């Protein structure tokens, strides 16, 4: 098994990790209630998906 001859410097390790970035999830408007929701998912506010009610949501 191959082993490194020398320890990698902090700068070199950090350069490699520069692309480990989280991105914000894409949000779209619900066509029924207008709230923001994740794309291709049931709206957590009203329970509608593609213009029809898929699940019942309790009123708080």
N, C-alpha and C. Protein backbone atom coordinates (compact mmCIF):
# COMPACT_ATOMS: atom_id res chain seq x y z
N UNK A 1 0.83 -1.18 0.00
CA UNK A 1 0.00 0.00 0.00
C UNK A 1 0.88 1.26 0.00
N UNK A 2 0.55 2.22 -0.81
CA UNK A 2 1.37 3.42 -0.91
C UNK A 2 1.18 4.31 0.31
N UNK A 3 2.27 4.90 0.78
CA UNK A 3 2.23 5.82 1.92
C UNK A 3 2.86 7.14 1.50
N UNK A 4 2.34 8.26 2.02
CA UNK A 4 2.93 9.55 1.69
C UNK A 4 4.31 9.69 2.34
N UNK A 5 5.24 10.30 1.63
CA UNK A 5 6.58 10.50 2.18
C UNK A 5 6.59 11.63 3.20
N UNK A 6 5.78 12.66 2.97
CA UNK A 6 5.76 13.81 3.88
C UNK A 6 4.32 14.19 4.20
N UNK A 7 4.17 14.85 5.32
CA UNK A 7 2.86 15.34 5.75
C UNK A 7 2.42 16.48 4.84
N UNK A 8 1.12 16.51 4.50
CA UNK A 8 0.62 17.62 3.68
C UNK A 8 0.50 18.87 4.53
N UNK A 9 0.89 20.00 3.97
CA UNK A 9 0.81 21.27 4.70
C UNK A 9 -0.64 21.69 4.88
N UNK A 10 -0.87 22.58 5.85
CA UNK A 10 -2.22 23.09 6.09
C UNK A 10 -2.77 23.81 4.87
N UNK A 11 -1.92 24.59 4.22
CA UNK A 11 -2.35 25.35 3.04
C UNK A 11 -2.81 24.41 1.93
N UNK A 12 -2.06 23.34 1.71
CA UNK A 12 -2.42 22.39 0.64
C UNK A 12 -3.74 21.69 0.95
N UNK A 13 -3.94 21.28 2.20
CA UNK A 13 -5.19 20.63 2.59
C UNK A 13 -6.37 21.58 2.45
N UNK A 14 -6.17 22.82 2.87
CA UNK A 14 -7.26 23.80 2.81
C UNK A 14 -7.60 24.18 1.37
N UNK A 15 -6.59 24.20 0.49
CA UNK A 15 -6.86 24.47 -0.92
C UNK A 15 -7.77 23.40 -1.51
N UNK A 16 -7.54 22.15 -1.10
CA UNK A 16 -8.35 21.05 -1.60
C UNK A 16 -9.80 21.16 -1.09
N UNK A 17 -9.96 21.68 0.11
CA UNK A 17 -11.29 21.75 0.73
C UNK A 17 -12.08 23.02 0.37
N UNK A 18 -11.54 23.88 -0.47
CA UNK A 18 -12.22 25.15 -0.77
C UNK A 18 -13.58 24.93 -1.43
N UNK A 19 -13.80 23.79 -2.07
CA UNK A 19 -15.05 23.55 -2.78
C UNK A 19 -16.07 22.80 -1.94
N UNK A 20 -15.76 22.51 -0.68
CA UNK A 20 -16.71 21.82 0.21
C UNK A 20 -17.69 22.84 0.77
N UNK A 21 -18.56 23.35 -0.05
CA UNK A 21 -19.46 24.42 0.35
C UNK A 21 -20.89 23.93 0.28
N UNK A 22 -21.69 24.27 1.27
CA UNK A 22 -23.11 23.95 1.22
C UNK A 22 -23.83 25.01 0.40
N UNK A 23 -24.83 24.59 -0.36
CA UNK A 23 -25.62 25.55 -1.12
C UNK A 23 -27.04 25.58 -0.58
N UNK A 24 -27.67 26.71 -0.70
CA UNK A 24 -29.06 26.86 -0.23
C UNK A 24 -29.99 26.04 -1.12
N UNK A 25 -30.99 25.37 -0.53
CA UNK A 25 -31.94 24.63 -1.35
C UNK A 25 -32.81 25.59 -2.16
N UNK A 26 -33.19 25.18 -3.35
CA UNK A 26 -34.01 26.01 -4.21
C UNK A 26 -35.44 26.04 -3.69
N UNK A 27 -35.97 27.23 -3.50
CA UNK A 27 -37.34 27.39 -3.01
C UNK A 27 -38.21 27.97 -4.12
N UNK A 28 -39.43 27.46 -4.22
CA UNK A 28 -40.40 27.97 -5.20
C UNK A 28 -41.69 28.33 -4.47
N UNK A 29 -42.52 29.12 -5.11
CA UNK A 29 -43.80 29.49 -4.50
C UNK A 29 -44.82 28.39 -4.70
N UNK A 30 -45.59 28.10 -3.66
CA UNK A 30 -46.68 27.13 -3.77
C UNK A 30 -47.77 27.75 -4.64
N UNK A 31 -48.29 26.98 -5.57
CA UNK A 31 -49.30 27.51 -6.48
C UNK A 31 -50.65 27.70 -5.78
N UNK A 32 -50.84 27.04 -4.63
CA UNK A 32 -52.12 27.12 -3.92
C UNK A 32 -52.12 28.23 -2.88
N UNK A 33 -51.11 28.26 -1.99
CA UNK A 33 -51.13 29.23 -0.89
C UNK A 33 -50.10 30.35 -1.04
N UNK A 34 -49.14 30.19 -1.95
CA UNK A 34 -48.16 31.24 -2.19
C UNK A 34 -46.96 31.22 -1.26
N UNK A 35 -46.90 30.29 -0.30
CA UNK A 35 -45.76 30.19 0.60
C UNK A 35 -44.57 29.57 -0.13
N UNK A 36 -43.38 29.79 0.40
CA UNK A 36 -42.18 29.19 -0.18
C UNK A 36 -42.10 27.72 0.24
N UNK A 37 -41.70 26.85 -0.71
CA UNK A 37 -41.55 25.42 -0.43
C UNK A 37 -40.45 24.86 -1.30
N UNK A 38 -39.97 23.65 -0.97
CA UNK A 38 -38.97 22.98 -1.79
C UNK A 38 -39.64 22.50 -3.07
N UNK A 39 -38.90 22.51 -4.17
CA UNK A 39 -39.43 22.09 -5.46
C UNK A 39 -39.74 20.59 -5.44
N UNK A 40 -40.81 20.18 -6.11
CA UNK A 40 -41.22 18.78 -6.27
C UNK A 40 -41.57 18.11 -4.96
N UNK A 41 -42.09 18.88 -4.00
CA UNK A 41 -42.49 18.31 -2.71
C UNK A 41 -43.84 18.88 -2.30
N UNK A 42 -44.53 18.17 -1.44
CA UNK A 42 -45.82 18.63 -0.92
C UNK A 42 -45.58 19.88 -0.09
N UNK A 43 -46.46 20.86 -0.22
CA UNK A 43 -46.34 22.10 0.55
C UNK A 43 -46.60 21.80 2.03
N UNK A 44 -45.66 22.15 2.91
CA UNK A 44 -45.86 21.88 4.33
C UNK A 44 -46.91 22.77 4.97
N UNK A 45 -47.29 23.87 4.30
CA UNK A 45 -48.25 24.82 4.88
C UNK A 45 -49.69 24.46 4.56
N UNK A 46 -49.94 24.02 3.32
CA UNK A 46 -51.33 23.74 2.94
C UNK A 46 -51.57 22.28 2.55
N UNK A 47 -50.50 21.49 2.30
CA UNK A 47 -50.66 20.08 1.97
C UNK A 47 -51.00 19.80 0.52
N UNK A 48 -50.87 20.79 -0.34
CA UNK A 48 -51.20 20.61 -1.76
C UNK A 48 -49.94 20.31 -2.56
N UNK A 49 -50.11 19.52 -3.64
CA UNK A 49 -49.04 19.24 -4.59
C UNK A 49 -49.66 19.14 -5.96
N UNK A 50 -49.16 19.91 -6.90
CA UNK A 50 -49.65 19.96 -8.28
C UNK A 50 -51.15 20.22 -8.35
N UNK A 51 -51.63 21.16 -7.54
CA UNK A 51 -53.02 21.61 -7.61
C UNK A 51 -54.04 20.74 -6.93
N UNK A 52 -53.62 19.68 -6.23
CA UNK A 52 -54.60 18.88 -5.49
C UNK A 52 -54.08 18.57 -4.11
N UNK A 53 -55.03 18.37 -3.17
CA UNK A 53 -54.65 18.13 -1.77
C UNK A 53 -54.14 16.71 -1.63
N UNK A 54 -52.94 16.56 -1.12
CA UNK A 54 -52.32 15.25 -0.98
C UNK A 54 -52.34 14.80 0.48
N UNK A 55 -52.19 15.74 1.40
CA UNK A 55 -52.24 15.40 2.82
C UNK A 55 -52.94 16.51 3.58
N UNK A 56 -53.55 16.14 4.69
CA UNK A 56 -54.24 17.10 5.52
C UNK A 56 -53.24 17.75 6.46
N UNK A 57 -53.37 19.06 6.66
CA UNK A 57 -52.47 19.80 7.54
C UNK A 57 -53.29 20.33 8.71
N UNK A 58 -52.79 20.10 9.93
CA UNK A 58 -53.50 20.58 11.12
C UNK A 58 -53.38 22.09 11.24
N UNK A 59 -54.45 22.75 11.65
CA UNK A 59 -54.41 24.18 11.90
C UNK A 59 -53.88 24.42 13.31
N UNK A 60 -52.90 25.31 13.42
CA UNK A 60 -52.28 25.54 14.73
C UNK A 60 -52.90 26.74 15.40
